[in-house]
Structures are given as C-alpha cells and as structure tokens.
C-alpha cells in the first residue's frame, strides 16, 4: 500500500495491477482506501518508485497496488508515515496471521526507537528497515534502534518515476530500503514455496544478513546488511542461501 502506482510504466511489464475487495484483479484502477481521489495512479511520485525497487529485486513478482491517502503502506511492504488504516491492520495482526510478512521503512528523522513511529515501535511482527549509503555507511537521516533488525541501501536509488512510462529518477529514504527487503523475502518465499510461515521467512532474512558490514552504525542499531544470501559466508555452494532446501520444491 502506498501513494498509488503508475501501473503502465514499462518497468512493471504488465506485472502491476489494482486491488479490489481482497482480490487482486490486475486490471485496475481501484482505490478502496482513498477518499476524495480517483484512480490508483501515483500523484506523489512515491509508490511507483518503491514498487519498482521491489520488482527489480524480485523478478517476476506481482505488484498489487493498494492506494491509501498520504505516504503509506508493497508482499505487504509498509512505507513510513502514520495513518488509522495502518494502525488498525497492525493492531489486528491480520497480515501476520495470514502468513504475510509486514515490512516497514524505519523513517527518515534520525531518531532512535521513535515512539511516534507506531509501526516500528509498537508491533513486534513488523520488520523495520534502516538505511545505508552505497558506500556501506549508515545514513544519518535513518531512524534506528533495537526494534530495527536490518539495514539496506536507500540513498540515491534509481527508481521508476510517475511522470511517464519510461521515467527514471534517483531518490533517497528508508522507503527504498524496505521494498528491497520485501523483495529478498519474496525470493525466499518463492524458492521454498512457503507462503504461510512468517517466522521461518524472517529467520531466513536474519540468518542471511552480513554482520558488521556497515560503518558509523549507532550503538543500539543491529549492524546487519540485508542480502539475498548468495554471498553469505559459510553457505553450502549448492544452496542459493542459508537454510534453503537442496531441492527446489517448485
């Protein structure tokens, strides 16, 4: 869920579509959670970019566009901000109970365990993601803390823009770290054919991080760089990541 997606953008290659009544129809547009707006297009130049990061790193994944007001919530990948809809989803824990990983951007205020950032501070099942630069230095504007288990690149990230079907722009923010982690988990889920076990997929994510790789990390922030597992030390070369089965179930 986010600010909408320009689903006609070439990067999505017909893999992005609308959402209606709990069923992804992939024909859009539909906007079940937007008041005073029409269509599921992206007027804020945010959702298109975050969705493109997810699809770039989880090739062939389906992107389901659920547009909500303001900055918001792509597997479900929650992207910053505050809102009653997101709070209700988190309190009910309905996505976790349905086996859907809940990934959130940590926020861009440079705060430690920000109590006002409800998704990271008050919900144990949300996987919050902090940000680093392409030089593997912790990004000073990223929120951080003990409730933020992983870090991912999110500074000057090339993403799809909403101005045309071929637009590409460079943006920064933890909003672009979260969909990268969502894509990594989507790859684990797809490879193992497991779509109802969030604890297992979360353990895959953590066990395949690279520890100690980021510089200038605040003391309370776990120093774990999110990875697909391909370059993890100690991995069986016959397996794509730590914990992966030898035989591809699909």
Protein backbone atom coordinates (compact mmCIF):
# COMPACT_ATOMS: atom_id res chain seq x y z
CA UNK A 1 0.00 0.00 0.00
CA UNK A 2 1.33 3.40 -0.88
CA UNK A 3 0.53 6.56 -2.82
CA UNK A 4 -0.56 4.58 -5.88
CA UNK A 5 1.42 3.18 -8.79
CA UNK A 6 1.78 4.19 -12.42
CA UNK A 7 1.00 0.63 -13.46
CA UNK A 8 1.55 1.44 -17.15
CA UNK A 9 5.25 2.12 -16.51
CA UNK A 10 7.46 -0.11 -18.68
CA UNK A 11 9.39 -1.45 -15.70
CA UNK A 12 6.33 -3.35 -14.47
CA UNK A 13 5.87 -5.24 -17.75
CA UNK A 14 2.18 -5.92 -17.03
CA UNK A 15 3.00 -7.34 -13.57
CA UNK A 16 1.35 -4.49 -11.65
CA UNK A 17 -2.37 -4.18 -11.18
CA UNK A 18 -5.18 -2.94 -8.99
CA UNK A 19 -6.79 -4.35 -5.88
CA UNK A 20 -10.48 -4.79 -5.14
CA UNK A 21 -12.32 -6.45 -2.32
CA UNK A 22 -9.41 -8.59 -1.25
CA UNK A 23 -8.83 -9.97 -4.75
CA UNK A 24 -6.02 -8.82 -6.99
CA UNK A 25 -7.56 -8.44 -10.43
CA UNK A 26 -4.50 -6.89 -12.12
CA UNK A 27 -6.64 -4.72 -14.31
CA UNK A 28 -7.14 -1.64 -12.03
CA UNK A 29 -7.87 1.05 -11.37
CA UNK A 30 -9.47 0.70 -7.97
CA UNK A 31 -8.96 2.70 -4.78
CA UNK A 32 -10.72 1.09 -1.80
CA UNK A 33 -8.84 3.16 0.80
CA UNK A 34 -8.67 6.62 -0.78
CA UNK A 35 -11.11 9.43 -0.04
CA UNK A 36 -11.51 12.42 -2.32
CA UNK A 37 -9.36 10.94 -5.07
CA UNK A 38 -9.94 9.00 -8.26
CA UNK A 39 -7.93 6.23 -9.87
CA UNK A 40 -4.98 4.34 -8.47
CA UNK A 41 -2.35 6.48 -10.16
CA UNK A 42 0.59 7.90 -8.23
CA UNK A 43 0.31 11.65 -7.74
CA UNK A 44 3.02 11.82 -5.07
CA UNK A 45 5.88 10.18 -7.01
CA UNK A 46 6.39 7.66 -4.22
CA UNK A 47 4.53 4.38 -4.71
CA UNK A 48 5.75 3.94 -8.28
CA UNK A 49 9.35 4.17 -7.10
CA UNK A 50 9.02 1.83 -4.14
CA UNK A 51 7.17 -0.76 -6.23
CA UNK A 52 9.88 -0.60 -8.90
CA UNK A 53 12.56 -1.38 -6.29
CA UNK A 54 10.61 -4.45 -5.16
CA UNK A 55 10.09 -5.74 -8.70
CA UNK A 56 13.70 -5.06 -9.73
CA UNK A 57 14.94 -7.38 -6.98
CA UNK A 58 12.12 -9.95 -7.14
CA UNK A 59 11.88 -10.52 -10.88
CA UNK A 60 8.51 -11.85 -11.99
CA UNK A 61 6.71 -10.90 -8.77
CA UNK A 62 3.19 -9.49 -8.99
CA UNK A 63 2.78 -5.94 -7.67
CA UNK A 64 -0.67 -5.32 -6.18
CA UNK A 65 -1.45 -1.63 -5.96
CA UNK A 66 -3.47 -0.64 -2.89
CA UNK A 67 -3.61 3.11 -2.81
CA UNK A 68 -4.15 4.89 0.50
CA UNK A 69 -4.04 8.59 1.35
CA UNK A 70 -0.70 10.19 2.11
CA UNK A 71 2.53 8.29 2.43
CA UNK A 72 1.89 4.76 3.28
CA UNK A 73 1.89 1.30 3.06
CA UNK A 74 4.31 -3.06 -1.34
CA UNK A 75 4.41 -8.64 -0.12
CA UNK A 76 3.00 -6.15 2.21
CA UNK A 77 5.70 -3.54 2.38
CA UNK A 78 4.73 -0.63 4.65
CA UNK A 79 6.43 2.60 3.80
CA UNK A 80 6.57 5.16 6.54
CA UNK A 81 4.11 7.70 7.74
CA UNK A 82 1.19 7.35 10.09
CA UNK A 83 -2.44 6.55 9.49
CA UNK A 84 -5.50 4.97 11.05
CA UNK A 85 -5.74 2.25 8.40
CA UNK A 86 -2.20 1.05 9.02
CA UNK A 87 -2.62 1.17 12.79
CA UNK A 88 -5.75 -0.96 12.54
CA UNK A 89 -4.03 -3.51 10.33
CA UNK A 90 -1.13 -3.75 12.73
CA UNK A 91 -3.25 -3.99 15.88
CA UNK A 92 -5.31 -6.80 14.41
CA UNK A 93 -2.14 -8.58 13.26
CA UNK A 94 -4.26 -9.90 10.44
CA UNK A 95 -1.45 -9.95 7.90
CA UNK A 96 0.89 -11.85 10.22
CA UNK A 97 -1.82 -14.37 10.99
CA UNK A 98 -2.40 -14.78 7.24
CA UNK A 99 1.28 -15.57 6.74
CA UNK A 100 2.20 -12.31 5.04
CA UNK A 101 5.46 -10.60 6.05
CA UNK A 102 4.99 -6.99 7.09
CA UNK A 103 7.98 -4.81 6.14
CA UNK A 104 8.24 -1.14 7.12
CA UNK A 105 10.61 1.72 6.47
CA UNK A 106 12.18 2.86 9.75
CA UNK A 107 11.64 6.53 8.89
CA UNK A 108 13.86 9.45 7.99
CA UNK A 109 14.08 11.58 11.12
CA UNK A 110 17.37 10.24 12.51
CA UNK A 111 15.61 9.17 15.72
CA UNK A 112 16.30 6.21 17.96
CA UNK A 113 13.32 3.90 18.58
CA UNK A 114 10.98 6.73 17.71
CA UNK A 115 7.84 6.24 19.87
CA UNK A 116 5.80 8.26 17.39
CA UNK A 117 6.58 5.88 14.56
CA UNK A 118 3.92 3.38 15.51
CA UNK A 119 4.74 0.56 13.10
CA UNK A 120 8.30 0.05 14.35
CA UNK A 121 7.72 0.94 17.99
CA UNK A 122 4.56 -0.93 18.93
CA UNK A 123 4.25 -4.04 16.78
CA UNK A 124 6.63 -6.97 17.30
CA UNK A 125 5.86 -8.67 13.98
CA UNK A 126 6.74 -5.72 11.76
CA UNK A 127 10.18 -5.94 10.15
CA UNK A 128 11.56 -2.40 10.14
CA UNK A 129 14.41 -1.46 7.83
CA UNK A 130 17.07 1.22 8.36
CA UNK A 131 19.16 2.79 5.59
CA UNK A 132 22.76 2.90 4.44
CA UNK A 133 24.58 4.55 1.54
CA UNK A 134 26.14 2.77 -1.45
CA UNK A 135 29.46 3.14 0.40
CA UNK A 136 28.09 0.98 3.24
CA UNK A 137 27.89 3.87 5.67
CA UNK A 138 24.85 4.23 7.91
CA UNK A 139 22.62 7.01 6.57
CA UNK A 140 22.41 9.80 9.11
CA UNK A 141 18.75 10.57 8.42
CA UNK A 142 17.59 6.99 9.04
CA UNK A 143 15.70 6.12 12.20
CA UNK A 144 17.33 3.28 14.09
CA UNK A 145 17.32 1.22 17.26
CA UNK A 146 16.79 -2.16 18.82
CA UNK A 147 13.45 -2.63 17.04
CA UNK A 148 15.06 -2.23 13.59
CA UNK A 149 16.66 -5.60 12.75
CA UNK A 150 18.17 -4.95 9.31
CA UNK A 151 19.76 -2.26 7.13
CA UNK A 152 19.56 -1.87 3.35
CA UNK A 153 20.80 0.65 0.76
CA UNK A 154 18.44 3.56 0.18
CA UNK A 155 20.41 6.63 -0.85
CA UNK A 156 20.25 7.93 -4.44
CA UNK A 157 18.42 4.81 -5.59
CA UNK A 158 17.37 4.79 -9.28
CA UNK A 159 13.62 4.13 -9.35
CA UNK A 160 10.69 4.40 -11.75
CA UNK A 161 9.12 7.84 -11.79
CA UNK A 162 5.47 8.73 -12.22
CA UNK A 163 5.85 11.37 -14.93
CA UNK A 164 5.95 8.97 -17.89
CA UNK A 165 6.06 5.26 -18.68
CA UNK A 166 9.85 5.40 -19.04
CA UNK A 167 10.74 7.94 -16.35
CA UNK A 168 13.66 7.06 -14.06
CA UNK A 169 14.72 9.22 -11.11
CA UNK A 170 17.10 8.92 -8.15
CA UNK A 171 15.53 9.13 -4.68
CA UNK A 172 16.67 8.61 -1.10
CA UNK A 173 14.94 7.43 2.06
CA UNK A 174 14.22 4.33 4.09
CA UNK A 175 11.16 3.93 1.83
CA UNK A 176 13.53 2.44 -0.74
CA UNK A 177 15.27 0.13 1.74
CA UNK A 178 12.01 -1.53 2.81
CA UNK A 179 10.95 -2.79 -0.66
CA UNK A 180 14.43 -4.24 -1.18
CA UNK A 181 13.97 -6.34 1.95
CA UNK A 182 10.44 -7.21 0.82
CA UNK A 183 11.92 -8.45 -2.47
CA UNK A 184 14.54 -10.56 -0.67
CA UNK A 185 11.83 -12.22 1.42
CA UNK A 186 9.66 -12.69 -1.67
CA UNK A 187 12.53 -14.62 -3.27
CA UNK A 188 12.82 -16.87 -0.21
CA UNK A 189 9.07 -17.48 -0.20
CA UNK A 190 9.01 -18.24 -3.92
CA UNK A 191 12.01 -20.60 -3.81
CA UNK A 192 10.72 -22.63 -0.88
CA UNK A 193 7.04 -22.48 -1.81
CA UNK A 194 6.20 -21.36 1.73
CA UNK A 195 3.52 -18.68 1.84
CA UNK A 196 2.17 -19.02 5.38
CA UNK A 197 5.16 -19.03 7.73
CA UNK A 198 6.36 -15.55 8.64
CA UNK A 199 8.69 -16.69 11.49
CA UNK A 200 10.53 -19.07 9.13
CA UNK A 201 10.95 -16.45 6.42
CA UNK A 202 12.04 -13.86 8.99
CA UNK A 203 14.69 -16.25 10.28
CA UNK A 204 15.88 -16.73 6.67
CA UNK A 205 16.21 -12.97 6.33
CA UNK A 206 18.22 -12.54 9.54
CA UNK A 207 20.48 -15.56 9.01
CA UNK A 208 21.43 -14.35 5.53
CA UNK A 209 22.44 -10.83 6.57
CA UNK A 210 26.06 -9.70 6.59
CA UNK A 211 27.05 -8.69 10.11
CA UNK A 212 29.32 -5.75 10.79
CA UNK A 213 29.49 -4.55 7.19
CA UNK A 214 28.11 -1.03 7.77
CA UNK A 215 30.20 1.81 9.21
CA UNK A 216 29.03 4.56 11.59
CA UNK A 217 26.13 2.46 12.87
CA UNK A 218 24.56 3.80 16.10
CA UNK A 219 25.28 1.63 19.13
CA UNK A 220 21.70 0.46 19.62
CA UNK A 221 21.22 -0.47 15.94
CA UNK A 222 21.91 -4.11 14.91
CA UNK A 223 24.63 -3.97 12.22
CA UNK A 224 23.06 -6.36 9.72
CA UNK A 225 23.13 -5.70 5.98
CA UNK A 226 20.20 -7.39 4.22
CA UNK A 227 21.35 -9.81 1.49
CA UNK A 228 19.81 -12.39 -0.82
CA UNK A 229 22.16 -14.97 0.69
CA UNK A 230 24.31 -15.50 -2.38
CA UNK A 231 27.43 -14.03 -0.78
CA UNK A 232 26.89 -15.19 2.80
CA UNK A 233 29.88 -16.78 4.50
CA UNK A 234 29.56 -20.48 5.26
CA UNK A 235 26.79 -21.14 2.77
CA UNK A 236 26.68 -24.52 1.03
CA UNK A 237 27.58 -23.67 -2.60
CA UNK A 238 24.76 -25.93 -3.76
CA UNK A 239 22.18 -23.79 -1.99
CA UNK A 240 21.17 -20.25 -3.03
CA UNK A 241 21.09 -19.03 0.59
CA UNK A 242 21.50 -20.28 4.15
CA UNK A 243 18.60 -22.53 5.14
CA UNK A 244 17.43 -23.15 1.58
CA UNK A 245 16.44 -26.73 0.76
CA UNK A 246 18.73 -28.62 -1.61
CA UNK A 247 15.80 -29.46 -3.86
CA UNK A 248 13.73 -26.64 -5.29
CA UNK A 249 10.12 -27.50 -4.28
CA UNK A 250 8.70 -25.60 -7.23
